[in-house]
C-alpha atoms as a PDB file:
ATOM      1  CA  MET A   1      59.201 -34.029 -39.244  1.00  0.00           C
ATOM      2  CA  SER A   2      60.157 -33.670 -42.850  1.00  0.00           C
ATOM      3  CA  ILE A   3      61.866 -30.951 -44.965  1.00  0.00           C
ATOM      4  CA  ASP A   4      61.106 -30.270 -48.638  1.00  0.00           C
ATOM      5  CA  TYR A   5      64.611 -31.025 -49.790  1.00  0.00           C
ATOM      6  CA  PRO A   6      64.128 -29.384 -52.869  1.00  0.00           C
ATOM      7  CA  SER A   7      63.459 -25.803 -51.426  1.00  0.00           C
ATOM      8  CA  ARG A   8      67.028 -26.067 -49.984  1.00  0.00           C
ATOM      9  CA  LEU A   9      68.656 -25.680 -53.357  1.00  0.00           C
ATOM     10  CA  PRO A  10      68.693 -22.082 -53.334  1.00  0.00           C
ATOM     11  CA  ARG A  11      70.356 -22.001 -49.753  1.00  0.00           C
ATOM     12  CA  VAL A  12      72.663 -24.390 -50.579  1.00  0.00           C
ATOM     13  CA  LEU A  13      73.676 -22.513 -53.877  1.00  0.00           C
ATOM     14  CA  LEU A  14      74.157 -19.509 -51.915  1.00  0.00           C
ATOM     15  CA  LEU A  15      76.519 -21.160 -49.301  1.00  0.00           C
ATOM     16  CA  MET A  16      78.359 -22.707 -51.893  1.00  0.00           C
ATOM     17  CA  SER A  17      78.698 -19.264 -53.822  1.00  0.00           C
ATOM     18  CA  LEU A  18      80.003 -17.580 -50.498  1.00  0.00           C
ATOM     19  CA  VAL A  19      82.564 -20.789 -49.704  1.00  0.00           C
ATOM     20  CA  ALA A  20      84.100 -20.382 -53.318  1.00  0.00           C
ATOM     21  CA  ALA A  21      84.180 -16.680 -53.183  1.00  0.00           C
ATOM     22  CA  ALA A  22      86.126 -17.061 -49.829  1.00  0.00           C
ATOM     23  CA  ALA A  23      88.315 -19.710 -51.402  1.00  0.00           C
ATOM     24  CA  LEU A  24      89.139 -17.584 -54.375  1.00  0.00           C
ATOM     25  CA  VAL A  25      89.957 -14.541 -51.894  1.00  0.00           C
ATOM     26  CA  ARG A  26      92.511 -16.810 -50.318  1.00  0.00           C
ATOM     27  CA  GLN A  27      94.249 -17.017 -53.927  1.00  0.00           C
ATOM     28  CA  LEU A  28      95.037 -13.301 -53.596  1.00  0.00           C
ATOM     29  CA  PRO A  29      97.857 -11.472 -52.045  1.00  0.00           C
ATOM     30  CA  HIS A  30      97.410 -11.324 -48.213  1.00  0.00           C
ATOM     31  CA  PRO A  31      99.299 -10.681 -45.137  1.00  0.00           C
ATOM     32  CA  GLN A  32     100.793 -14.129 -44.016  1.00  0.00           C
ATOM     33  CA  ASN A  33      97.976 -16.159 -42.053  1.00  0.00           C
ATOM     34  CA  PHE A  34      95.288 -13.471 -42.832  1.00  0.00           C
ATOM     35  CA  THR A  35      92.901 -15.580 -44.704  1.00  0.00           C
ATOM     36  CA  PRO A  36      89.319 -16.724 -44.833  1.00  0.00           C
ATOM     37  CA  VAL A  37      90.359 -20.629 -44.121  1.00  0.00           C
ATOM     38  CA  GLY A  38      89.377 -20.807 -40.393  1.00  0.00           C
ATOM     39  CA  ALA A  39      86.235 -18.682 -41.242  1.00  0.00           C
ATOM     40  CA  LEU A  40      85.019 -21.118 -44.030  1.00  0.00           C
ATOM     41  CA  ALA A  41      85.444 -23.979 -41.654  1.00  0.00           C
ATOM     42  CA  ILE A  42      83.045 -21.839 -39.107  1.00  0.00           C
ATOM     43  CA  PHE A  43      80.653 -20.896 -41.851  1.00  0.00           C
ATOM     44  CA  ALA A  44      80.179 -24.312 -43.030  1.00  0.00           C
ATOM     45  CA  GLY A  45      79.643 -25.905 -39.596  1.00  0.00           C
ATOM     46  CA  ALA A  46      77.119 -23.244 -38.941  1.00  0.00           C
ATOM     47  CA  CYS A  47      75.232 -23.023 -42.136  1.00  0.00           C
ATOM     48  CA  PHE A  48      75.320 -26.393 -43.842  1.00  0.00           C
ATOM     49  CA  ALA A  49      72.414 -28.697 -42.630  1.00  0.00           C
ATOM     50  CA  ASP A  50      74.298 -31.830 -43.866  1.00  0.00           C
ATOM     51  CA  ARG A  51      77.255 -32.504 -41.437  1.00  0.00           C
ATOM     52  CA  ARG A  52      79.342 -34.310 -44.045  1.00  0.00           C
ATOM     53  CA  LEU A  53      78.921 -31.356 -46.831  1.00  0.00           C
ATOM     54  CA  ALA A  54      79.820 -28.894 -43.846  1.00  0.00           C
ATOM     55  CA  VAL A  55      83.089 -30.774 -43.340  1.00  0.00           C
ATOM     56  CA  LEU A  56      83.930 -31.663 -46.926  1.00  0.00           C
ATOM     57  CA  VAL A  57      82.929 -28.093 -48.428  1.00  0.00           C
ATOM     58  CA  PRO A  58      85.750 -26.074 -47.046  1.00  0.00           C
ATOM     59  CA  LEU A  59      88.384 -28.462 -47.145  1.00  0.00           C
ATOM     60  CA  ALA A  60      87.445 -29.282 -50.831  1.00  0.00           C
ATOM     61  CA  ALA A  61      87.628 -25.474 -51.237  1.00  0.00           C
ATOM     62  CA  LEU A  62      91.500 -25.456 -50.059  1.00  0.00           C
ATOM     63  CA  VAL A  63      92.536 -28.300 -52.323  1.00  0.00           C
ATOM     64  CA  PRO A  64      93.146 -26.165 -55.280  1.00  0.00           C
ATOM     65  CA  GLY A  65      95.095 -23.472 -53.704  1.00  0.00           C
ATOM     66  CA  ASP A  66      97.154 -25.999 -51.922  1.00  0.00           C
ATOM     67  CA  LEU A  67      97.970 -28.153 -55.142  1.00  0.00           C
ATOM     68  CA  THR A  68      98.982 -24.767 -56.786  1.00  0.00           C
ATOM     69  CA  ALA A  69     100.928 -23.524 -53.764  1.00  0.00           C
ATOM     70  CA  GLY A  70     102.185 -26.875 -53.275  1.00  0.00           C
ATOM     71  CA  MET A  71     101.278 -29.381 -50.667  1.00  0.00           C
ATOM     72  CA  HIS A  72     103.311 -29.742 -47.096  1.00  0.00           C
ATOM     73  CA  VAL A  73     104.055 -32.093 -44.563  1.00  0.00           C
ATOM     74  CA  LEU A  74     101.701 -30.483 -42.304  1.00  0.00           C
ATOM     75  CA  VAL A  75      98.465 -30.767 -44.633  1.00  0.00           C
ATOM     76  CA  PRO A  76      96.802 -33.438 -42.420  1.00  0.00           C
ATOM     77  CA  ALA A  77      97.138 -31.479 -39.210  1.00  0.00           C
ATOM     78  CA  VAL A  78      95.946 -28.381 -41.093  1.00  0.00           C
ATOM     79  CA  TYR A  79      93.079 -30.221 -42.841  1.00  0.00           C
ATOM     80  CA  GLY A  80      92.198 -31.849 -39.415  1.00  0.00           C
ATOM     81  CA  SER A  81      92.157 -28.770 -37.458  1.00  0.00           C
ATOM     82  CA  LEU A  82      89.913 -26.967 -39.758  1.00  0.00           C
ATOM     83  CA  ALA A  83      87.587 -30.136 -39.948  1.00  0.00           C
ATOM     84  CA  LEU A  84      87.588 -29.817 -36.032  1.00  0.00           C
ATOM     85  CA  ASN A  85      86.550 -26.024 -36.485  1.00  0.00           C
ATOM     86  CA  VAL A  86      83.704 -27.262 -38.637  1.00  0.00           C
ATOM     87  CA  LEU A  87      82.300 -29.411 -35.833  1.00  0.00           C
ATOM     88  CA  LEU A  88      82.915 -26.825 -33.394  1.00  0.00           C
ATOM     89  CA  ALA A  89      80.547 -24.291 -35.179  1.00  0.00           C
ATOM     90  CA  ARG A  90      77.806 -26.811 -35.464  1.00  0.00           C
ATOM     91  CA  ARG A  91      76.786 -25.552 -32.186  1.00  0.00           C
ATOM     92  CA  LEU A  92      76.028 -22.292 -33.923  1.00  0.00           C
ATOM     93  CA  ARG A  93      73.122 -24.163 -36.029  1.00  0.00           C
ATOM     94  CA  LEU A  94      70.798 -24.449 -32.766  1.00  0.00           C
ATOM     95  CA  ARG A  95      71.770 -20.734 -31.764  1.00  0.00           C
ATOM     96  CA  ARG A  96      73.637 -18.130 -33.602  1.00  0.00           C
ATOM     97  CA  THR A  97      74.434 -14.745 -32.114  1.00  0.00           C
ATOM     98  CA  ALA A  98      76.883 -12.430 -32.280  1.00  0.00           C
ATOM     99  CA  ALA A  99      78.339 -13.472 -29.033  1.00  0.00           C
ATOM    100  CA  SER A 100      78.234 -16.949 -29.756  1.00  0.00           C
ATOM    101  CA  THR A 101      79.818 -16.636 -33.229  1.00  0.00           C
ATOM    102  CA  ALA A 102      82.573 -14.417 -31.675  1.00  0.00           C
ATOM    103  CA  ALA A 103      83.220 -17.251 -29.160  1.00  0.00           C
ATOM    104  CA  VAL A 104      83.557 -19.957 -31.624  1.00  0.00           C
ATOM    105  CA  THR A 105      85.704 -17.834 -33.760  1.00  0.00           C
ATOM    106  CA  LEU A 106      87.854 -17.347 -31.204  1.00  0.00           C
ATOM    107  CA  LEU A 107      88.001 -21.017 -29.962  1.00  0.00           C
ATOM    108  CA  GLY A 108      88.634 -21.915 -33.307  1.00  0.00           C
ATOM    109  CA  ALA A 109      91.652 -19.846 -33.696  1.00  0.00           C
ATOM    110  CA  VAL A 110      93.084 -21.014 -30.472  1.00  0.00           C
ATOM    111  CA  GLN A 111      92.371 -24.424 -31.451  1.00  0.00           C
ATOM    112  CA  PHE A 112      94.183 -24.180 -35.101  1.00  0.00           C
ATOM    113  CA  PHE A 113      97.120 -22.601 -33.077  1.00  0.00           C
ATOM    114  CA  VAL A 114      97.547 -25.245 -30.782  1.00  0.00           C
ATOM    115  CA  THR A 115      96.946 -28.151 -33.007  1.00  0.00           C
ATOM    116  CA  THR A 116      99.184 -26.821 -36.178  1.00  0.00           C
ATOM    117  CA  ASN A 117     102.252 -25.945 -34.167  1.00  0.00           C
ATOM    118  CA  PHE A 118     102.092 -28.965 -32.069  1.00  0.00           C
ATOM    119  CA  ALA A 119     102.445 -30.776 -35.226  1.00  0.00           C
ATOM    120  CA  THR A 120     105.107 -28.233 -36.519  1.00  0.00           C
ATOM    121  CA  TRP A 121     106.990 -28.941 -33.133  1.00  0.00           C
ATOM    122  CA  LEU A 122     106.419 -32.859 -34.046  1.00  0.00           C
ATOM    123  CA  VAL A 123     107.965 -32.465 -37.202  1.00  0.00           C
ATOM    124  CA  PHE A 124     110.439 -29.692 -37.127  1.00  0.00           C
ATOM    125  CA  TYR A 125     111.636 -29.456 -33.674  1.00  0.00           C
ATOM    126  CA  PRO A 126     113.510 -31.468 -31.253  1.00  0.00           C
ATOM    127  CA  HIS A 127     111.393 -33.294 -28.832  1.00  0.00           C
ATOM    128  CA  THR A 128     111.901 -31.626 -25.668  1.00  0.00           C
ATOM    129  CA  LEU A 129     109.590 -29.162 -23.731  1.00  0.00           C
ATOM    130  CA  GLY A 130     111.918 -26.188 -24.511  1.00  0.00           C
ATOM    131  CA  GLU A 131     111.586 -26.894 -27.862  1.00  0.00           C
ATOM    132  CA  LEU A 132     107.905 -27.287 -27.581  1.00  0.00           C
ATOM    133  CA  VAL A 133     107.709 -23.931 -25.791  1.00  0.00           C
ATOM    134  CA  SER A 134     109.975 -22.237 -28.402  1.00  0.00           C
ATOM    135  CA  CYS A 135     107.835 -23.499 -31.006  1.00  0.00           C
ATOM    136  CA  TYR A 136     104.994 -21.749 -29.597  1.00  0.00           C
ATOM    137  CA  VAL A 137     106.504 -18.676 -28.756  1.00  0.00           C
ATOM    138  CA  ALA A 138     107.599 -18.214 -32.289  1.00  0.00           C
ATOM    139  CA  ALA A 139     104.132 -18.682 -33.555  1.00  0.00           C
ATOM    140  CA  VAL A 140     103.055 -15.953 -31.605  1.00  0.00           C
ATOM    141  CA  PRO A 141     103.077 -13.185 -34.162  1.00  0.00           C
ATOM    142  CA  TYR A 142     101.312 -15.622 -36.745  1.00  0.00           C
ATOM    143  CA  PHE A 143      98.506 -15.951 -34.412  1.00  0.00           C
ATOM    144  CA  ARG A 144      97.143 -12.226 -34.742  1.00  0.00           C
ATOM    145  CA  ASN A 145      96.655 -12.550 -38.189  1.00  0.00           C
ATOM    146  CA  THR A 146      95.166 -15.577 -37.705  1.00  0.00           C
ATOM    147  CA  LEU A 147      92.784 -14.495 -35.692  1.00  0.00           C
ATOM    148  CA  LEU A 148      92.096 -11.145 -37.293  1.00  0.00           C
ATOM    149  CA  GLY A 149      91.414 -13.070 -40.740  1.00  0.00           C
ATOM    150  CA  ASP A 150      89.130 -15.345 -39.159  1.00  0.00           C
ATOM    151  CA  ALA A 151      87.263 -12.935 -37.392  1.00  0.00           C
ATOM    152  CA  THR A 152      87.152 -10.442 -40.516  1.00  0.00           C
ATOM    153  CA  PHE A 153      85.785 -13.141 -42.921  1.00  0.00           C
ATOM    154  CA  VAL A 154      83.518 -14.722 -40.353  1.00  0.00           C
ATOM    155  CA  ALA A 155      82.034 -11.138 -40.151  1.00  0.00           C
ATOM    156  CA  LEU A 156      81.605 -11.118 -44.257  1.00  0.00           C
ATOM    157  CA  LEU A 157      80.393 -14.328 -44.532  1.00  0.00           C
ATOM    158  CA  PHE A 158      77.794 -14.368 -42.160  1.00  0.00           C
ATOM    159  CA  GLY A 159      76.962 -10.676 -42.864  1.00  0.00           C
ATOM    160  CA  ALA A 160      76.563 -11.764 -46.507  1.00  0.00           C
ATOM    161  CA  LEU A 161      74.557 -14.756 -45.759  1.00  0.00           C
ATOM    162  CA  ALA A 162      72.116 -12.252 -43.557  1.00  0.00           C
ATOM    163  CA  LEU A 163      71.761  -9.914 -46.097  1.00  0.00           C
ATOM    164  CA  ALA A 164      70.809 -12.740 -48.894  1.00  0.00           C
ATOM    165  CA  GLU A 165      68.281 -14.024 -46.244  1.00  0.00           C
ATOM    166  CA  ARG A 166      66.588 -10.646 -45.930  1.00  0.00           C
ATOM    167  CA  ALA A 167      66.557 -10.013 -49.366  1.00  0.00           C
ATOM    168  CA  LEU A 168      65.724 -13.369 -50.685  1.00  0.00           C
ATOM    169  CA  PRO A 169      63.262 -15.552 -48.324  1.00  0.00           C
ATOM    170  CA  ALA A 170      63.990 -18.384 -50.835  1.00  0.00           C
ATOM    171  CA  VAL A 171      67.547 -18.881 -49.257  1.00  0.00           C
ATOM    172  CA  ARG A 172      66.136 -18.936 -45.637  1.00  0.00           C
ATOM    173  CA  GLU A 173      67.079 -22.062 -43.855  1.00  0.00           C
ATOM    174  CA  PRO A 174      63.845 -24.308 -44.412  1.00  0.00           C
ATOM    175  CA  VAL A 175      61.791 -24.691 -41.489  1.00  0.00           C
ATOM    176  CA  PRO A 176      60.975 -28.583 -40.878  1.00  0.00           C
ATOM    177  CA  ALA A 177      57.299 -29.147 -41.465  1.00  0.00           C
ATOM    178  CA  ALA A 178      55.107 -30.693 -38.473  1.00  0.00           C
ATOM    179  CA  ALA A 179      54.286 -34.233 -38.670  1.00  0.00           C
ATOM    180  CA  ASN A 180      50.964 -34.981 -39.708  1.00  0.00           C
END
């Protein structure tokens, strides 16, 4: 099977535009942890055909904001966790439904919470079981906004894509041509 790669250009431009818009929204004032960051990772994993591009694009969208806000010691954990969310969302490429997208969004938010707060414990807390529990308990209030932000922006990104695909056939996912 082959795919006509020039036919992908309108779709890639649309996807990149949606990613750029979400990255810009991150720069606006917002409640703590209510950002499009997790949604960007899920959207890219589900929508970009090239796995490398799917990982690179949302991480690259974060760099300008992190450079202006200031890089911090947890950036590797945050970026690694978001890359993992991209890979989790790759499952949505095969079959994307509202339920499967919601499940990946929830799983991604939980994974991000567990991973980044474990890194927080490693860097900032004494390494005891009690302090690990304290670290996670202290982070619970932030999880609500992370999950709400991810769910809101996943709905907006996938909704915008669905509207564009309905209105503009050129941005639909190319279907592989049958081999002759």
